[in-house]
Amino acid sequence: STHALFIRDPEWARLLCLNADEYESVIGESFILRSIHDPSGEEPISIYQAHAITRVLMMIALGDVCVVKIRLSAQAFNNNRTEDNQDLLDSLPSGYRAVFYGRQADSDGILEWNSNMEYIPDLTIPGPGMVPLEIGSSDAWTTWEHLAFHGGVARIPYGSDHMYLFARLRVHQNTFL
């Protein structure tokens, strides 16, 4: 099967990563890749993660997903520091509200906004809205799943003082693109 070929030959993952690099260069923002895929440790990227990275970058490049960069007052903490992370989220700009659970559910929490947000002139993210929140380590497959099934995800990679809201703008019929 094709899956067995992908697993046996790591060259496939390298080729997909090169494709991801190409999409990222079109988008022009270096933070995006780390927001999509920020694994714990130094594990190699599997073919499945490389595929998910490419899919998310393609959604952004096609204009199906926008990325909103939201400034934080500090960097996020480890997931076990629930109160510190909640305090950080409580300082979000007006119009946003976030709740941090810390790995007690399918995500680390939720991000809500209370009204439409103008992304760029003539392009609006509908509101009110709510998406899963992921802080720290998260893989590309999780990012893609949140986009496909929840319409978006808010990501705070470790070491970043920004939250990145990935929001679906368009959904294609009969596909999980």
Protein backbone atom coordinates (compact mmCIF):
# COMPACT_ATOMS: atom_id res chain seq x y z
CA SER A 1 0.00 0.00 0.00
CA THR A 2 1.01 3.64 -0.36
CA HIS A 3 1.08 4.07 3.43
CA ALA A 4 3.62 1.27 3.75
CA LEU A 5 5.80 2.93 1.08
CA PHE A 6 5.65 6.25 2.96
CA ILE A 7 6.63 4.58 6.22
CA ARG A 8 9.53 2.61 4.72
CA ASP A 9 10.99 5.50 2.71
CA PRO A 10 11.74 8.66 4.75
CA GLU A 11 12.45 10.49 1.49
CA TRP A 12 8.68 10.98 1.10
CA ALA A 13 8.54 12.97 4.35
CA ARG A 14 11.49 15.10 3.20
CA LEU A 15 9.74 15.89 -0.09
CA LEU A 16 6.56 16.91 1.72
CA CYS A 17 8.62 19.13 4.03
CA LEU A 18 10.18 20.81 1.00
CA ASN A 19 6.64 21.39 -0.28
CA ALA A 20 5.74 22.90 3.13
CA ASP A 21 8.78 25.20 2.89
CA GLU A 22 7.56 26.36 -0.51
CA TYR A 23 4.09 27.18 0.85
CA GLU A 24 5.62 28.98 3.81
CA SER A 25 7.77 31.11 1.49
CA VAL A 26 4.63 32.11 -0.44
CA ILE A 27 2.89 33.07 2.80
CA GLY A 28 5.99 34.95 3.97
CA GLU A 29 5.71 34.38 7.73
CA SER A 30 8.29 32.19 9.48
CA PHE A 31 6.23 31.80 12.68
CA ILE A 32 3.48 29.90 10.92
CA LEU A 33 5.27 26.56 10.65
CA ARG A 34 6.05 26.49 14.38
CA SER A 35 2.47 27.43 15.14
CA ILE A 36 1.22 24.54 13.03
CA HIS A 37 3.72 21.94 14.27
CA ASP A 38 5.63 22.38 17.54
CA PRO A 39 6.41 18.87 18.79
CA SER A 40 7.79 18.04 22.18
CA GLY A 41 11.38 16.86 21.97
CA GLU A 42 13.35 16.31 18.81
CA GLU A 43 11.33 13.49 17.26
CA PRO A 44 11.58 13.30 13.47
CA ILE A 45 8.60 14.49 11.43
CA SER A 46 6.59 11.51 10.23
CA ILE A 47 5.04 11.38 6.78
CA TYR A 48 1.65 11.97 8.39
CA GLN A 49 2.82 15.12 10.18
CA ALA A 50 4.51 16.37 6.98
CA HIS A 51 1.26 15.78 5.11
CA ALA A 52 -0.75 17.70 7.73
CA ILE A 53 1.76 20.60 7.67
CA THR A 54 1.42 20.81 3.89
CA ARG A 55 -2.40 20.70 4.05
CA VAL A 56 -2.60 23.52 6.61
CA LEU A 57 -0.11 25.67 4.69
CA MET A 58 -2.04 25.03 1.48
CA MET A 59 -5.28 26.15 3.18
CA ILE A 60 -3.55 29.40 4.19
CA ALA A 61 -1.95 29.93 0.77
CA LEU A 62 -5.33 29.42 -0.96
CA GLY A 63 -7.02 31.93 1.35
CA ASP A 64 -9.25 29.33 3.00
CA VAL A 65 -7.66 29.98 6.40
CA CYS A 66 -6.45 33.26 7.85
CA VAL A 67 -3.95 33.69 10.66
CA VAL A 68 -4.49 36.48 13.19
CA LYS A 69 -1.45 37.36 15.31
CA ILE A 70 -2.50 38.45 18.83
CA ARG A 71 0.10 39.99 21.17
CA LEU A 72 0.38 38.53 24.68
CA SER A 73 1.78 40.22 27.78
CA ALA A 74 4.31 37.37 28.28
CA GLN A 75 5.22 33.89 27.09
CA ALA A 76 3.02 30.90 27.94
CA PHE A 77 3.94 28.53 30.75
CA ASN A 78 4.03 24.72 30.90
CA ASN A 79 0.59 23.11 30.91
CA ASN A 80 0.87 22.18 34.60
CA ARG A 81 0.93 25.90 35.52
CA THR A 82 -2.80 26.31 35.01
CA GLU A 83 -3.26 29.49 37.07
CA ASP A 84 -0.28 31.25 35.44
CA ASN A 85 -1.55 30.43 31.96
CA GLN A 86 -5.06 31.59 32.87
CA ASP A 87 -3.64 34.86 34.22
CA LEU A 88 -1.80 35.33 30.90
CA LEU A 89 -5.00 34.67 28.95
CA ASP A 90 -6.96 37.07 31.13
CA SER A 91 -4.75 39.85 29.75
CA LEU A 92 -5.87 39.29 26.13
CA PRO A 93 -7.00 42.39 24.22
CA SER A 94 -10.60 43.52 24.52
CA GLY A 95 -13.04 41.35 22.58
CA TYR A 96 -11.24 38.07 23.34
CA ARG A 97 -11.85 35.65 26.19
CA ALA A 98 -9.95 32.42 26.83
CA VAL A 99 -10.25 29.60 29.33
CA PHE A 100 -7.30 27.28 30.01
CA TYR A 101 -7.96 23.67 31.05
CA GLY A 102 -4.47 22.25 30.63
CA ARG A 103 -4.68 18.87 28.91
CA GLN A 104 -7.87 17.79 30.64
CA ALA A 105 -9.79 17.60 27.37
CA ASP A 106 -9.24 17.35 23.60
CA SER A 107 -7.49 20.72 23.75
CA ASP A 108 -5.84 22.94 26.36
CA GLY A 109 -8.82 25.28 26.46
CA ILE A 110 -10.94 27.58 24.32
CA LEU A 111 -10.65 31.04 22.76
CA GLU A 112 -13.77 33.11 22.14
CA TRP A 113 -14.32 36.45 20.43
CA ASN A 114 -17.49 38.44 20.78
CA SER A 115 -18.02 40.07 17.38
CA ASN A 116 -16.95 40.01 13.75
CA MET A 117 -13.24 40.70 13.26
CA GLU A 118 -12.00 42.52 10.18
CA TYR A 119 -9.05 40.46 8.97
CA ILE A 120 -8.13 42.66 6.04
CA PRO A 121 -10.36 45.20 4.25
CA ASP A 122 -13.46 43.45 2.89
CA LEU A 123 -12.63 40.17 4.64
CA THR A 124 -14.23 39.45 7.99
CA ILE A 125 -13.97 36.55 10.43
CA PRO A 126 -17.55 35.94 11.60
CA GLY A 127 -18.27 36.43 15.27
CA PRO A 128 -19.07 35.65 17.88
CA GLY A 129 -16.77 32.67 17.53
CA MET A 130 -15.06 29.97 19.54
CA VAL A 131 -12.14 27.65 18.73
CA PRO A 132 -9.98 25.18 20.67
CA LEU A 133 -6.83 26.55 22.31
CA GLU A 134 -3.48 24.73 22.24
CA ILE A 135 -0.53 25.99 24.29
CA GLY A 136 3.01 24.67 23.90
CA SER A 137 3.69 21.41 22.12
CA SER A 138 1.17 20.40 19.50
CA ASP A 139 1.49 18.48 16.28
CA ALA A 140 0.34 19.38 12.79
CA TRP A 141 -2.29 16.66 12.70
CA THR A 142 -3.98 18.19 15.76
CA THR A 143 -3.87 21.65 14.13
CA TRP A 144 -5.43 20.27 10.94
CA GLU A 145 -8.12 18.38 12.90
CA HIS A 146 -9.13 21.54 14.74
CA LEU A 147 -9.35 23.44 11.44
CA ALA A 148 -11.32 20.64 9.76
CA PHE A 149 -13.75 19.87 12.57
CA HIS A 150 -13.93 23.06 14.68
CA GLY A 151 -13.32 25.77 12.08
CA GLY A 152 -10.11 26.98 13.67
CA VAL A 153 -7.59 26.79 16.47
CA ALA A 154 -5.72 29.26 18.65
CA ARG A 155 -2.04 28.34 19.12
CA ILE A 156 0.59 29.65 21.51
CA PRO A 157 3.92 27.90 20.84
CA TYR A 158 6.33 27.73 23.77
CA GLY A 159 8.74 30.66 23.71
CA SER A 160 6.30 32.93 21.86
CA ASP A 161 4.66 36.07 23.18
CA HIS A 162 1.93 35.85 20.54
CA MET A 163 -1.19 33.77 20.08
CA TYR A 164 -1.96 32.74 16.50
CA LEU A 165 -5.63 32.35 15.66
CA PHE A 166 -6.13 30.11 12.62
CA ALA A 167 -9.70 30.62 11.36
CA ARG A 168 -11.49 28.99 8.42
CA LEU A 169 -12.85 31.51 5.94
CA ARG A 170 -14.09 29.05 3.31
CA VAL A 171 -15.04 25.41 3.42
CA HIS A 172 -14.92 23.38 0.21
CA GLN A 173 -17.73 20.91 -0.39
CA ASN A 174 -17.01 17.18 -0.01
CA THR A 175 -13.45 17.59 1.18
CA PHE A 176 -11.45 18.04 4.35
CA LEU A 177 -9.12 20.54 2.65
